[in-house]
Amino acid sequence: MSVAKQADASIVKTTARAKKASRKPTEVLLQGRKGDERLLIIRYAQEGFYLSDVKEMLSTSTLYLEHDLVQRITGKSVRTVQRLAKETQPIRLNPQQSTVAFQYAQVLEQAINVFGSQSLAEDWLRKPCKYLDGHVPLELIDNALGFQVVEDYLTRIEHGVYQ
């Protein structure tokens, strides 16, 4: 391959990565399907998100990659997930796993909106929080009640009503 073609291929790959990176985490999981309505999202989660989409969503965040969240979402070891990802048939998560994946995507988006940047959002998600009794927000998201508490607190911060 000529140098010019290699450069063109590199530009195409970089542009494709930039387009992927600019997608919100929930958009990655929903594969561009429209619908902000909760019932529509519930239906998509019941169908099960594709493992490849969940891995792509996690790759939008350095924090999420550092903490091997694919293991927390699937309940399987990282090695098992890697083996499953190599299968020829696309792997779908079950509804519970899909719901947890969506919770991680939604909290990351909300934190980015509240704090103004992904790096500030990730810093907040990784540190113990006084309002959350010293818990790390990231460690609460995989539980439905913990997710609700984190989401509520982010809303309070957004509206200036926090301690």
N, C-alpha and C. Protein backbone atom coordinates (compact mmCIF):
# COMPACT_ATOMS: atom_id res chain seq x y z
N MET A 1 0.85 -1.18 0.00
CA MET A 1 0.00 0.00 0.00
C MET A 1 0.89 1.24 0.00
N SER A 2 0.53 2.20 -0.82
CA SER A 2 1.34 3.42 -0.91
C SER A 2 1.20 4.26 0.36
N VAL A 3 2.14 5.15 0.55
CA VAL A 3 2.13 6.03 1.72
C VAL A 3 0.87 6.89 1.73
N ALA A 4 0.46 7.37 0.56
CA ALA A 4 -0.74 8.21 0.47
C ALA A 4 -1.98 7.42 0.88
N LYS A 5 -2.07 6.17 0.42
CA LYS A 5 -3.23 5.34 0.78
C LYS A 5 -3.23 5.02 2.27
N GLN A 6 -2.04 4.78 2.84
CA GLN A 6 -1.94 4.52 4.27
C GLN A 6 -2.38 5.75 5.05
N ALA A 7 -1.98 6.92 4.61
CA ALA A 7 -2.38 8.16 5.28
C ALA A 7 -3.88 8.35 5.19
N ASP A 8 -4.46 8.08 4.00
CA ASP A 8 -5.91 8.19 3.83
C ASP A 8 -6.64 7.21 4.74
N ALA A 9 -6.14 5.98 4.82
CA ALA A 9 -6.76 4.97 5.68
C ALA A 9 -6.69 5.40 7.14
N SER A 10 -5.55 5.99 7.52
CA SER A 10 -5.39 6.46 8.89
C SER A 10 -6.37 7.59 9.20
N ILE A 11 -6.57 8.49 8.26
CA ILE A 11 -7.51 9.60 8.44
C ILE A 11 -8.93 9.07 8.57
N VAL A 12 -9.30 8.10 7.74
CA VAL A 12 -10.64 7.51 7.80
C VAL A 12 -10.87 6.85 9.16
N LYS A 13 -9.87 6.09 9.65
CA LYS A 13 -10.00 5.43 10.95
C LYS A 13 -10.12 6.46 12.07
N THR A 14 -9.31 7.51 12.02
CA THR A 14 -9.35 8.55 13.04
C THR A 14 -10.69 9.26 13.02
N THR A 15 -11.21 9.56 11.84
CA THR A 15 -12.51 10.21 11.72
C THR A 15 -13.61 9.32 12.26
N ALA A 16 -13.55 8.03 11.95
CA ALA A 16 -14.55 7.09 12.45
C ALA A 16 -14.51 7.02 13.97
N ARG A 17 -13.28 7.00 14.55
CA ARG A 17 -13.16 6.99 16.00
C ARG A 17 -13.71 8.27 16.61
N ALA A 18 -13.46 9.40 15.98
CA ALA A 18 -13.96 10.68 16.49
C ALA A 18 -15.48 10.71 16.46
N LYS A 19 -16.07 10.18 15.39
CA LYS A 19 -17.54 10.14 15.32
C LYS A 19 -18.10 9.25 16.42
N LYS A 20 -17.46 8.09 16.65
CA LYS A 20 -17.91 7.19 17.71
C LYS A 20 -17.77 7.88 19.06
N ALA A 21 -16.63 8.54 19.27
CA ALA A 21 -16.37 9.18 20.56
C ALA A 21 -17.34 10.30 20.83
N SER A 22 -17.85 10.93 19.77
CA SER A 22 -18.76 12.05 19.98
C SER A 22 -20.17 11.58 20.32
N ARG A 23 -20.44 10.30 20.13
CA ARG A 23 -21.76 9.77 20.49
C ARG A 23 -21.86 9.65 22.00
N LYS A 24 -23.03 9.95 22.52
CA LYS A 24 -23.26 9.80 23.94
C LYS A 24 -23.33 8.31 24.28
N PRO A 25 -22.98 7.96 25.53
CA PRO A 25 -23.00 6.55 25.91
C PRO A 25 -24.36 5.87 25.68
N THR A 26 -25.46 6.57 25.96
CA THR A 26 -26.77 5.94 25.74
C THR A 26 -27.05 5.76 24.26
N GLU A 27 -26.54 6.67 23.42
CA GLU A 27 -26.73 6.54 21.97
C GLU A 27 -26.01 5.30 21.44
N VAL A 28 -24.86 5.00 22.03
CA VAL A 28 -24.13 3.80 21.61
C VAL A 28 -24.97 2.56 21.92
N LEU A 29 -25.54 2.50 23.12
CA LEU A 29 -26.33 1.33 23.50
C LEU A 29 -27.60 1.21 22.67
N LEU A 30 -28.23 2.33 22.38
CA LEU A 30 -29.50 2.30 21.64
C LEU A 30 -29.27 2.20 20.13
N GLN A 31 -28.02 2.20 19.70
CA GLN A 31 -27.65 2.08 18.28
C GLN A 31 -28.34 3.12 17.42
N GLY A 32 -28.50 4.31 17.96
CA GLY A 32 -29.10 5.39 17.18
C GLY A 32 -30.62 5.32 17.10
N ARG A 33 -31.22 4.28 17.69
CA ARG A 33 -32.69 4.20 17.68
C ARG A 33 -33.22 5.35 18.51
N LYS A 34 -34.22 6.00 18.01
CA LYS A 34 -34.75 7.18 18.68
C LYS A 34 -35.74 6.77 19.76
N GLY A 35 -35.87 7.64 20.72
CA GLY A 35 -36.85 7.41 21.77
C GLY A 35 -36.29 7.71 23.13
N ASP A 36 -36.72 8.81 23.69
CA ASP A 36 -36.30 9.16 25.03
C ASP A 36 -37.30 8.64 26.05
N GLU A 37 -38.41 8.14 25.55
CA GLU A 37 -39.44 7.66 26.46
C GLU A 37 -38.93 6.44 27.22
N ARG A 38 -39.20 6.43 28.49
CA ARG A 38 -38.72 5.35 29.36
C ARG A 38 -39.21 3.98 28.89
N LEU A 39 -40.46 3.89 28.44
CA LEU A 39 -40.99 2.59 28.03
C LEU A 39 -40.25 2.05 26.80
N LEU A 40 -39.86 2.93 25.92
CA LEU A 40 -39.10 2.51 24.74
C LEU A 40 -37.73 1.98 25.16
N ILE A 41 -37.09 2.67 26.07
CA ILE A 41 -35.78 2.24 26.57
C ILE A 41 -35.92 0.90 27.30
N ILE A 42 -37.00 0.75 28.06
CA ILE A 42 -37.24 -0.52 28.74
C ILE A 42 -37.36 -1.65 27.73
N ARG A 43 -38.08 -1.39 26.64
CA ARG A 43 -38.24 -2.42 25.60
C ARG A 43 -36.89 -2.81 25.02
N TYR A 44 -36.04 -1.83 24.73
CA TYR A 44 -34.72 -2.12 24.18
C TYR A 44 -33.89 -2.93 25.18
N ALA A 45 -33.98 -2.58 26.45
CA ALA A 45 -33.23 -3.32 27.48
C ALA A 45 -33.77 -4.75 27.60
N GLN A 46 -35.07 -4.92 27.47
CA GLN A 46 -35.64 -6.26 27.54
C GLN A 46 -35.19 -7.13 26.37
N GLU A 47 -35.00 -6.51 25.21
CA GLU A 47 -34.45 -7.24 24.06
C GLU A 47 -33.01 -7.65 24.34
N GLY A 48 -32.34 -6.84 25.13
CA GLY A 48 -30.94 -7.09 25.47
C GLY A 48 -30.01 -6.32 24.55
N PHE A 49 -29.13 -5.53 25.14
CA PHE A 49 -28.14 -4.82 24.34
C PHE A 49 -27.08 -5.81 23.89
N TYR A 50 -26.49 -5.54 22.74
CA TYR A 50 -25.40 -6.39 22.26
C TYR A 50 -24.16 -6.14 23.11
N LEU A 51 -23.45 -7.21 23.41
CA LEU A 51 -22.21 -7.11 24.18
C LEU A 51 -21.23 -6.16 23.50
N SER A 52 -21.16 -6.20 22.18
CA SER A 52 -20.24 -5.31 21.46
C SER A 52 -20.61 -3.85 21.67
N ASP A 53 -21.91 -3.53 21.74
CA ASP A 53 -22.34 -2.15 21.99
C ASP A 53 -22.01 -1.73 23.42
N VAL A 54 -22.17 -2.65 24.36
CA VAL A 54 -21.83 -2.34 25.75
C VAL A 54 -20.34 -2.07 25.87
N LYS A 55 -19.52 -2.89 25.22
CA LYS A 55 -18.07 -2.67 25.26
C LYS A 55 -17.71 -1.34 24.60
N GLU A 56 -18.39 -1.00 23.52
CA GLU A 56 -18.15 0.29 22.86
C GLU A 56 -18.55 1.45 23.77
N MET A 57 -19.70 1.30 24.46
CA MET A 57 -20.15 2.34 25.39
C MET A 57 -19.11 2.53 26.50
N LEU A 58 -18.61 1.43 27.04
CA LEU A 58 -17.62 1.51 28.10
C LEU A 58 -16.33 2.16 27.61
N SER A 59 -16.02 1.97 26.33
CA SER A 59 -14.78 2.54 25.79
C SER A 59 -14.86 4.06 25.63
N THR A 60 -16.04 4.64 25.81
CA THR A 60 -16.15 6.10 25.75
C THR A 60 -15.61 6.75 27.02
N SER A 61 -15.30 5.93 28.04
CA SER A 61 -14.86 6.47 29.32
C SER A 61 -13.59 5.78 29.80
N THR A 62 -12.56 6.55 30.05
CA THR A 62 -11.32 6.01 30.61
C THR A 62 -11.60 5.39 31.97
N LEU A 63 -12.40 6.05 32.77
CA LEU A 63 -12.75 5.54 34.10
C LEU A 63 -13.43 4.18 33.99
N TYR A 64 -14.37 4.05 33.08
CA TYR A 64 -15.10 2.80 32.93
C TYR A 64 -14.17 1.68 32.47
N LEU A 65 -13.22 1.99 31.60
CA LEU A 65 -12.27 0.97 31.15
C LEU A 65 -11.33 0.55 32.29
N GLU A 66 -10.90 1.53 33.09
CA GLU A 66 -9.98 1.25 34.20
C GLU A 66 -10.60 0.31 35.23
N HIS A 67 -11.90 0.38 35.40
CA HIS A 67 -12.57 -0.39 36.45
C HIS A 67 -13.22 -1.68 35.94
N ASP A 68 -12.90 -2.09 34.72
CA ASP A 68 -13.44 -3.34 34.17
C ASP A 68 -14.94 -3.49 34.45
N LEU A 69 -15.69 -2.46 34.07
CA LEU A 69 -17.12 -2.48 34.35
C LEU A 69 -17.87 -3.55 33.58
N VAL A 70 -17.27 -4.06 32.52
CA VAL A 70 -17.94 -5.14 31.79
C VAL A 70 -18.16 -6.33 32.73
N GLN A 71 -17.26 -6.53 33.66
CA GLN A 71 -17.41 -7.60 34.65
C GLN A 71 -18.56 -7.29 35.61
N ARG A 72 -18.68 -6.06 36.05
CA ARG A 72 -19.77 -5.68 36.96
C ARG A 72 -21.12 -5.77 36.26
N ILE A 73 -21.15 -5.43 34.98
CA ILE A 73 -22.40 -5.44 34.23
C ILE A 73 -22.85 -6.86 33.92
N THR A 74 -21.93 -7.70 33.48
CA THR A 74 -22.30 -9.05 33.04
C THR A 74 -22.27 -10.09 34.16
N GLY A 75 -21.51 -9.82 35.22
CA GLY A 75 -21.36 -10.81 36.27
C GLY A 75 -20.40 -11.92 35.86
N LYS A 76 -19.68 -11.71 34.78
CA LYS A 76 -18.73 -12.70 34.27
C LYS A 76 -17.32 -12.11 34.32
N SER A 77 -16.34 -12.98 34.38
CA SER A 77 -14.96 -12.50 34.40
C SER A 77 -14.62 -11.83 33.08
N VAL A 78 -13.62 -10.97 33.12
CA VAL A 78 -13.18 -10.27 31.91
C VAL A 78 -12.76 -11.29 30.86
N ARG A 79 -12.09 -12.36 31.27
CA ARG A 79 -11.64 -13.40 30.34
C ARG A 79 -12.84 -14.08 29.66
N THR A 80 -13.87 -14.38 30.42
CA THR A 80 -15.07 -15.00 29.85
C THR A 80 -15.73 -14.07 28.85
N VAL A 81 -15.80 -12.79 29.18
CA VAL A 81 -16.39 -11.81 28.27
C VAL A 81 -15.57 -11.72 26.99
N GLN A 82 -14.25 -11.75 27.11
CA GLN A 82 -13.39 -11.72 25.92
C GLN A 82 -13.65 -12.93 25.04
N ARG A 83 -13.82 -14.10 25.66
CA ARG A 83 -14.10 -15.31 24.90
C ARG A 83 -15.45 -15.22 24.21
N LEU A 84 -16.46 -14.72 24.92
CA LEU A 84 -17.80 -14.56 24.34
C LEU A 84 -17.78 -13.58 23.16
N ALA A 85 -16.99 -12.53 23.29
CA ALA A 85 -16.92 -11.51 22.24
C ALA A 85 -16.33 -12.07 20.95
N LYS A 86 -15.57 -13.15 21.04
CA LYS A 86 -14.95 -13.75 19.86
C LYS A 86 -15.91 -14.67 19.10
N GLU A 87 -17.05 -15.01 19.71
CA GLU A 87 -17.99 -15.91 19.05
C GLU A 87 -18.54 -15.26 17.78
N THR A 88 -18.91 -16.11 16.83
CA THR A 88 -19.37 -15.60 15.54
C THR A 88 -20.75 -14.95 15.63
N GLN A 89 -21.60 -15.45 16.48
CA GLN A 89 -22.93 -14.87 16.65
C GLN A 89 -22.85 -13.70 17.63
N PRO A 90 -23.54 -12.60 17.33
CA PRO A 90 -23.55 -11.48 18.29
C PRO A 90 -24.18 -11.92 19.61
N ILE A 91 -23.58 -11.52 20.70
CA ILE A 91 -24.05 -11.89 22.03
C ILE A 91 -24.89 -10.75 22.59
N ARG A 92 -26.09 -11.10 23.08
CA ARG A 92 -26.96 -10.12 23.73
C ARG A 92 -26.91 -10.33 25.24
N LEU A 93 -26.94 -9.23 25.96
CA LEU A 93 -27.03 -9.31 27.41
C LEU A 93 -28.47 -9.62 27.78
N ASN A 94 -28.67 -10.14 28.98
CA ASN A 94 -30.04 -10.36 29.44
C ASN A 94 -30.62 -9.02 29.89
N PRO A 95 -31.93 -8.95 30.15
CA PRO A 95 -32.54 -7.67 30.52
C PRO A 95 -31.92 -7.00 31.75
N GLN A 96 -31.56 -7.79 32.76
CA GLN A 96 -30.96 -7.21 33.97
C GLN A 96 -29.60 -6.60 33.65
N GLN A 97 -28.78 -7.32 32.92
CA GLN A 97 -27.46 -6.82 32.54
C GLN A 97 -27.59 -5.57 31.67
N SER A 98 -28.57 -5.58 30.77
CA SER A 98 -28.79 -4.43 29.89
C SER A 98 -29.22 -3.21 30.68
N THR A 99 -30.04 -3.43 31.68
CA THR A 99 -30.49 -2.32 32.54
C THR A 99 -29.30 -1.71 33.28
N VAL A 100 -28.44 -2.54 33.81
CA VAL A 100 -27.26 -2.05 34.52
C VAL A 100 -26.34 -1.28 33.55
N ALA A 101 -26.16 -1.79 32.35
CA ALA A 101 -25.34 -1.09 31.35
C ALA A 101 -25.93 0.28 31.05
N PHE A 102 -27.25 0.34 30.92
CA PHE A 102 -27.89 1.63 30.63
C PHE A 102 -27.73 2.59 31.81
N GLN A 103 -27.78 2.07 33.03
CA GLN A 103 -27.59 2.92 34.21
C GLN A 103 -26.21 3.56 34.19
N TYR A 104 -25.18 2.78 33.87
CA TYR A 104 -23.83 3.34 33.78
C TYR A 104 -23.75 4.41 32.70
N ALA A 105 -24.37 4.15 31.54
CA ALA A 105 -24.35 5.12 30.44
C ALA A 105 -25.07 6.40 30.84
N GLN A 106 -26.22 6.24 31.48
CA GLN A 106 -27.03 7.40 31.84
C GLN A 106 -26.35 8.27 32.90
N VAL A 107 -25.76 7.64 33.91
CA VAL A 107 -25.08 8.41 34.96
C VAL A 107 -23.89 9.16 34.38
N LEU A 108 -23.13 8.52 33.50
CA LEU A 108 -21.99 9.21 32.90
C LEU A 108 -22.45 10.44 32.13
N GLU A 109 -23.50 10.29 31.34
CA GLU A 109 -24.03 11.44 30.59
C GLU A 109 -24.51 12.54 31.51
N GLN A 110 -25.25 12.16 32.55
CA GLN A 110 -25.77 13.16 33.48
C GLN A 110 -24.63 13.88 34.19
N ALA A 111 -23.61 13.13 34.61
CA ALA A 111 -22.47 13.75 35.29
C ALA A 111 -21.71 14.70 34.36
N ILE A 112 -21.58 14.33 33.10
CA ILE A 112 -20.93 15.22 32.13
C ILE A 112 -21.73 16.51 31.98
N ASN A 113 -23.05 16.39 31.91
CA ASN A 113 -23.90 17.58 31.79
C ASN A 113 -23.79 18.46 33.03
N VAL A 114 -23.74 17.85 34.19
CA VAL A 114 -23.69 18.62 35.44
C VAL A 114 -22.33 19.29 35.63
N PHE A 115 -21.25 18.56 35.38
CA PHE A 115 -19.91 19.08 35.66
C PHE A 115 -19.25 19.76 34.47
N GLY A 116 -19.82 19.62 33.29
CA GLY A 116 -19.33 20.35 32.13
C GLY A 116 -18.27 19.69 31.28
N SER A 117 -17.66 18.62 31.78
CA SER A 117 -16.67 17.90 30.98
C SER A 117 -16.61 16.45 31.44
N GLN A 118 -16.13 15.62 30.55
CA GLN A 118 -16.03 14.21 30.90
C GLN A 118 -14.98 13.98 31.98
N SER A 119 -13.87 14.70 31.93
CA SER A 119 -12.83 14.48 32.94
C SER A 119 -13.32 14.87 34.33
N LEU A 120 -14.04 15.98 34.45
CA LEU A 120 -14.59 16.38 35.75
C LEU A 120 -15.65 15.38 36.22
N ALA A 121 -16.46 14.90 35.29
CA ALA A 121 -17.49 13.91 35.63
C ALA A 121 -16.84 12.63 36.15
N GLU A 122 -15.81 12.17 35.46
CA GLU A 122 -15.13 10.94 35.88
C GLU A 122 -14.42 11.12 37.21
N ASP A 123 -13.85 12.30 37.45
CA ASP A 123 -13.23 12.58 38.75
C ASP A 123 -14.27 12.46 39.86
N TRP A 124 -15.45 13.03 39.64
CA TRP A 124 -16.51 12.97 40.65
C TRP A 124 -16.97 11.53 40.86
N LEU A 125 -17.12 10.79 39.80
CA LEU A 125 -17.62 9.41 39.90
C LEU A 125 -16.65 8.49 40.65
N ARG A 126 -15.35 8.80 40.65
CA ARG A 126 -14.37 7.89 41.23
C ARG A 126 -14.03 8.20 42.69
N LYS A 127 -14.49 9.35 43.22
CA LYS A 127 -14.09 9.76 44.57
C LYS A 127 -15.23 9.55 45.57
N PRO A 128 -14.88 9.22 46.82
CA PRO A 128 -15.91 9.11 47.85
C PRO A 128 -16.67 10.43 47.99
N CYS A 129 -17.95 10.32 48.24
CA CYS A 129 -18.82 11.50 48.30
C CYS A 129 -19.47 11.59 49.67
N LYS A 130 -19.31 12.73 50.32
CA LYS A 130 -19.86 12.94 51.65
C LYS A 130 -21.38 12.73 51.65
N TYR A 131 -22.07 13.27 50.65
CA TYR A 131 -23.52 13.15 50.57
C TYR A 131 -23.96 11.69 50.46
N LEU A 132 -23.11 10.86 49.89
CA LEU A 132 -23.44 9.44 49.71
C LEU A 132 -22.82 8.60 50.84
N ASP A 133 -22.69 9.20 52.02
CA ASP A 133 -22.12 8.53 53.19
C ASP A 133 -20.72 7.98 52.93
N GLY A 134 -19.95 8.69 52.14
CA GLY A 134 -18.58 8.29 51.87
C GLY A 134 -18.43 7.24 50.78
N HIS A 135 -19.54 6.83 50.17
CA HIS A 135 -19.46 5.84 49.09
C HIS A 135 -18.96 6.50 47.81
N VAL A 136 -18.34 5.71 46.97
CA VAL A 136 -17.89 6.15 45.65
C VAL A 136 -19.08 5.99 44.70
N PRO A 137 -19.52 7.07 44.04
CA PRO A 137 -20.69 6.97 43.16
C PRO A 137 -20.61 5.83 42.16
N LEU A 138 -19.44 5.62 41.56
CA LEU A 138 -19.26 4.56 40.57
C LEU A 138 -19.64 3.18 41.12
N GLU A 139 -19.39 2.97 42.41
CA GLU A 139 -19.65 1.67 43.02
C GLU A 139 -21.11 1.46 43.39
N LEU A 140 -21.93 2.47 43.26
CA LEU A 140 -23.35 2.35 43.60
C LEU A 140 -24.25 2.12 42.38
N ILE A 141 -23.75 2.40 41.20
CA ILE A 141 -24.58 2.46 40.00
C ILE A 141 -25.16 1.11 39.59
N ASP A 142 -24.47 0.00 39.88
CA ASP A 142 -24.97 -1.30 39.42
C ASP A 142 -26.14 -1.82 40.26
N ASN A 143 -26.49 -1.12 41.30
CA ASN A 143 -27.64 -1.46 42.13
C ASN A 143 -28.74 -0.45 41.83
N ALA A 144 -29.97 -0.91 41.64
CA ALA A 144 -31.06 0.00 41.26
C ALA A 144 -31.25 1.13 42.26
N LEU A 145 -31.18 0.82 43.55
CA LEU A 145 -31.36 1.86 44.57
C LEU A 145 -30.16 2.81 44.59
N GLY A 146 -28.97 2.26 44.46
CA GLY A 146 -27.77 3.09 44.41
C GLY A 146 -27.78 4.01 43.20
N PHE A 147 -28.20 3.47 42.07
CA PHE A 147 -28.32 4.27 40.84
C PHE A 147 -29.26 5.44 41.08
N GLN A 148 -30.40 5.18 41.71
CA GLN A 148 -31.38 6.24 41.96
C GLN A 148 -30.80 7.32 42.87
N VAL A 149 -30.06 6.91 43.89
CA VAL A 149 -29.46 7.87 44.82
C VAL A 149 -28.43 8.74 44.09
N VAL A 150 -27.59 8.13 43.26
CA VAL A 150 -26.58 8.89 42.51
C VAL A 150 -27.26 9.85 41.54
N GLU A 151 -28.26 9.35 40.83
CA GLU A 151 -28.98 10.18 39.87
C GLU A 151 -29.68 11.36 40.57
N ASP A 152 -30.31 11.09 41.70
CA ASP A 152 -30.98 12.15 42.45
C ASP A 152 -29.97 13.21 42.93
N TYR A 153 -28.81 12.75 43.40
CA TYR A 153 -27.82 13.71 43.87
C TYR A 153 -27.27 14.56 42.73
N LEU A 154 -27.06 13.96 41.58
CA LEU A 154 -26.62 14.74 40.42
C LEU A 154 -27.66 15.79 40.04
N THR A 155 -28.93 15.43 40.13
CA THR A 155 -30.00 16.39 39.85
C THR A 155 -29.97 17.52 40.86
N ARG A 156 -29.74 17.19 42.12
CA ARG A 156 -29.66 18.23 43.16
C ARG A 156 -28.48 19.17 42.89
N ILE A 157 -27.35 18.62 42.51
CA ILE A 157 -26.18 19.45 42.18
C ILE A 157 -26.51 20.36 41.01
N GLU A 158 -27.15 19.79 40.00
CA GLU A 158 -27.51 20.55 38.80
C GLU A 158 -28.40 21.74 39.14
N HIS A 159 -29.29 21.55 40.11
CA HIS A 159 -30.22 22.62 40.49
C HIS A 159 -29.73 23.45 41.67
N GLY A 160 -28.51 23.17 42.14
CA GLY A 160 -27.94 23.96 43.21
C GLY A 160 -28.50 23.65 44.58
N VAL A 161 -29.10 22.47 44.75
CA VAL A 161 -29.70 22.08 46.03
C VAL A 161 -28.93 20.87 46.56
N TYR A 162 -27.80 21.13 47.21
CA TYR A 162 -26.99 20.03 47.75
C TYR A 162 -26.27 20.50 48.99
N GLN A 163 -25.71 19.55 49.71
CA GLN A 163 -24.99 19.86 50.94
C GLN A 163 -23.51 19.86 50.71
